[in-house]
């Protein structure tokens, strides 16, 4: 692999990493809101005597935790790939 091919792959993989990190931010934000919904529902149970039913929020949290785990694995793999190409094109490792 020549330097320019490695540079192209480095840049492409770096862009994929940034996109994946943005996806991770969205998942974490969703987890934050789901946890807030649980807290709100608990308060509603105390103040309005509405029954507490956490199933929807817990399902959403469970799905997003799985997605977050997959995204973290993808970020680790992309980072490893970027660092591999960095050696060939004299770019910094991350």
C-alpha atoms as a PDB file:
ATOM      1  CA  UNK A   1       0.000   0.000   0.000  1.00  0.00           C
ATOM      2  CA  UNK A   2       1.429   3.371  -0.932  1.00  0.00           C
ATOM      3  CA  UNK A   3       1.260   6.521   1.173  1.00  0.00           C
ATOM      4  CA  UNK A   4      -1.569   8.113  -0.837  1.00  0.00           C
ATOM      5  CA  UNK A   5      -3.767   5.036  -0.737  1.00  0.00           C
ATOM      6  CA  UNK A   6      -3.228   4.817   3.021  1.00  0.00           C
ATOM      7  CA  UNK A   7      -4.045   8.515   3.374  1.00  0.00           C
ATOM      8  CA  UNK A   8      -7.322   8.032   1.507  1.00  0.00           C
ATOM      9  CA  UNK A   9      -8.294   5.089   3.667  1.00  0.00           C
ATOM     10  CA  UNK A  10      -7.203   6.939   6.810  1.00  0.00           C
ATOM     11  CA  UNK A  11      -9.397   9.913   5.911  1.00  0.00           C
ATOM     12  CA  UNK A  12     -12.375   7.757   4.952  1.00  0.00           C
ATOM     13  CA  UNK A  13     -12.161   5.750   8.163  1.00  0.00           C
ATOM     14  CA  UNK A  14     -11.771   8.925  10.229  1.00  0.00           C
ATOM     15  CA  UNK A  15     -14.989  10.270   8.688  1.00  0.00           C
ATOM     16  CA  UNK A  16     -16.747   6.996   9.518  1.00  0.00           C
ATOM     17  CA  UNK A  17     -15.498   7.282  13.093  1.00  0.00           C
ATOM     18  CA  UNK A  18     -16.891  10.802  13.457  1.00  0.00           C
ATOM     19  CA  UNK A  19     -20.262   9.670  12.106  1.00  0.00           C
ATOM     20  CA  UNK A  20     -20.300   6.744  14.518  1.00  0.00           C
ATOM     21  CA  UNK A  21     -19.468   9.035  17.437  1.00  0.00           C
ATOM     22  CA  UNK A  22     -22.451  11.225  16.505  1.00  0.00           C
ATOM     23  CA  UNK A  23     -24.656   8.129  16.518  1.00  0.00           C
ATOM     24  CA  UNK A  24     -23.306   7.322  19.983  1.00  0.00           C
ATOM     25  CA  UNK A  25     -24.247  10.811  21.193  1.00  0.00           C
ATOM     26  CA  UNK A  26     -27.807  10.306  19.949  1.00  0.00           C
ATOM     27  CA  UNK A  27     -28.086   6.943  21.747  1.00  0.00           C
ATOM     28  CA  UNK A  28     -26.738   8.384  25.001  1.00  0.00           C
ATOM     29  CA  UNK A  29     -29.191  11.281  24.703  1.00  0.00           C
ATOM     30  CA  UNK A  30     -32.035   8.802  24.226  1.00  0.00           C
ATOM     31  CA  UNK A  31     -30.908   6.875  27.311  1.00  0.00           C
ATOM     32  CA  UNK A  32     -30.861  10.112  29.285  1.00  0.00           C
ATOM     33  CA  UNK A  33     -34.412  10.968  28.220  1.00  0.00           C
ATOM     34  CA  UNK A  34     -35.686   7.452  28.936  1.00  0.00           C
ATOM     35  CA  UNK A  35     -34.260   7.644  32.452  1.00  0.00           C
ATOM     36  CA  UNK A  36     -35.936  11.022  32.865  1.00  0.00           C
ATOM     37  CA  UNK A  37     -39.240   9.495  31.784  1.00  0.00           C
ATOM     38  CA  UNK A  38     -38.884   6.870  34.493  1.00  0.00           C
ATOM     39  CA  UNK A  39     -38.284   9.561  37.081  1.00  0.00           C
ATOM     40  CA  UNK A  40     -41.246  11.601  35.840  1.00  0.00           C
ATOM     41  CA  UNK A  41     -43.503   8.558  35.981  1.00  0.00           C
ATOM     42  CA  UNK A  42     -42.449   7.866  39.563  1.00  0.00           C
ATOM     43  CA  UNK A  43     -43.297  11.436  40.538  1.00  0.00           C
ATOM     44  CA  UNK A  44     -46.654  11.118  38.768  1.00  0.00           C
ATOM     45  CA  UNK A  45     -47.410   7.978  40.751  1.00  0.00           C
ATOM     46  CA  UNK A  46     -46.851   9.832  44.014  1.00  0.00           C
ATOM     47  CA  UNK A  47     -48.626  13.047  43.090  1.00  0.00           C
ATOM     48  CA  UNK A  48     -51.494  11.934  40.846  1.00  0.00           C
ATOM     49  CA  UNK A  49     -51.779   8.307  41.915  1.00  0.00           C
ATOM     50  CA  UNK A  50     -51.209   7.194  38.314  1.00  0.00           C
ATOM     51  CA  UNK A  51     -49.888   3.627  38.266  1.00  0.00           C
ATOM     52  CA  UNK A  52     -46.184   3.317  37.620  1.00  0.00           C
ATOM     53  CA  UNK A  53     -45.575   1.243  34.499  1.00  0.00           C
ATOM     54  CA  UNK A  54     -41.895   1.344  33.549  1.00  0.00           C
ATOM     55  CA  UNK A  55     -42.067  -1.285  30.804  1.00  0.00           C
ATOM     56  CA  UNK A  56     -41.943   1.079  27.793  1.00  0.00           C
ATOM     57  CA  UNK A  57     -39.025   3.078  29.167  1.00  0.00           C
ATOM     58  CA  UNK A  58     -37.170  -0.061  30.238  1.00  0.00           C
ATOM     59  CA  UNK A  59     -37.622  -1.605  26.795  1.00  0.00           C
ATOM     60  CA  UNK A  60     -36.255   1.541  25.180  1.00  0.00           C
ATOM     61  CA  UNK A  61     -33.318   1.592  27.616  1.00  0.00           C
ATOM     62  CA  UNK A  62     -32.547  -2.065  26.960  1.00  0.00           C
ATOM     63  CA  UNK A  63     -32.556  -1.576  23.194  1.00  0.00           C
ATOM     64  CA  UNK A  64     -30.372   1.508  23.432  1.00  0.00           C
ATOM     65  CA  UNK A  65     -27.882  -0.146  25.774  1.00  0.00           C
ATOM     66  CA  UNK A  66     -27.454  -2.918  23.206  1.00  0.00           C
ATOM     67  CA  UNK A  67     -27.032  -0.346  20.424  1.00  0.00           C
ATOM     68  CA  UNK A  68     -24.504   1.556  22.539  1.00  0.00           C
ATOM     69  CA  UNK A  69     -22.514  -1.617  23.101  1.00  0.00           C
ATOM     70  CA  UNK A  70     -22.423  -2.298  19.348  1.00  0.00           C
ATOM     71  CA  UNK A  71     -21.426   1.283  18.588  1.00  0.00           C
ATOM     72  CA  UNK A  72     -18.618   1.158  21.145  1.00  0.00           C
ATOM     73  CA  UNK A  73     -17.306  -2.020  19.518  1.00  0.00           C
ATOM     74  CA  UNK A  74     -17.486  -0.329  16.117  1.00  0.00           C
ATOM     75  CA  UNK A  75     -15.609   2.711  17.460  1.00  0.00           C
ATOM     76  CA  UNK A  76     -12.859   0.454  18.806  1.00  0.00           C
ATOM     77  CA  UNK A  77     -12.528  -1.310  15.439  1.00  0.00           C
ATOM     78  CA  UNK A  78     -12.491   1.977  13.499  1.00  0.00           C
ATOM     79  CA  UNK A  79      -9.852   3.385  15.849  1.00  0.00           C
ATOM     80  CA  UNK A  80      -7.693   0.325  15.318  1.00  0.00           C
ATOM     81  CA  UNK A  81      -8.071   0.666  11.538  1.00  0.00           C
ATOM     82  CA  UNK A  82      -7.208   4.382  11.627  1.00  0.00           C
ATOM     83  CA  UNK A  83      -4.092   3.672  13.657  1.00  0.00           C
ATOM     84  CA  UNK A  84      -3.067   0.985  11.177  1.00  0.00           C
ATOM     85  CA  UNK A  85      -3.311   3.412   8.236  1.00  0.00           C
ATOM     86  CA  UNK A  86      -1.618   6.176  10.247  1.00  0.00           C
ATOM     87  CA  UNK A  87       1.610   4.180  10.174  1.00  0.00           C
ATOM     88  CA  UNK A  88       1.593   4.168   6.369  1.00  0.00           C
ATOM     89  CA  UNK A  89       0.660   7.811   5.729  1.00  0.00           C
ATOM     90  CA  UNK A  90       2.523   9.489   8.587  1.00  0.00           C
ATOM     91  CA  UNK A  91      -0.647  10.783  10.271  1.00  0.00           C
ATOM     92  CA  UNK A  92      -1.203  10.832  14.024  1.00  0.00           C
ATOM     93  CA  UNK A  93      -2.701   7.847  15.739  1.00  0.00           C
ATOM     94  CA  UNK A  94      -5.802   8.352  17.805  1.00  0.00           C
END
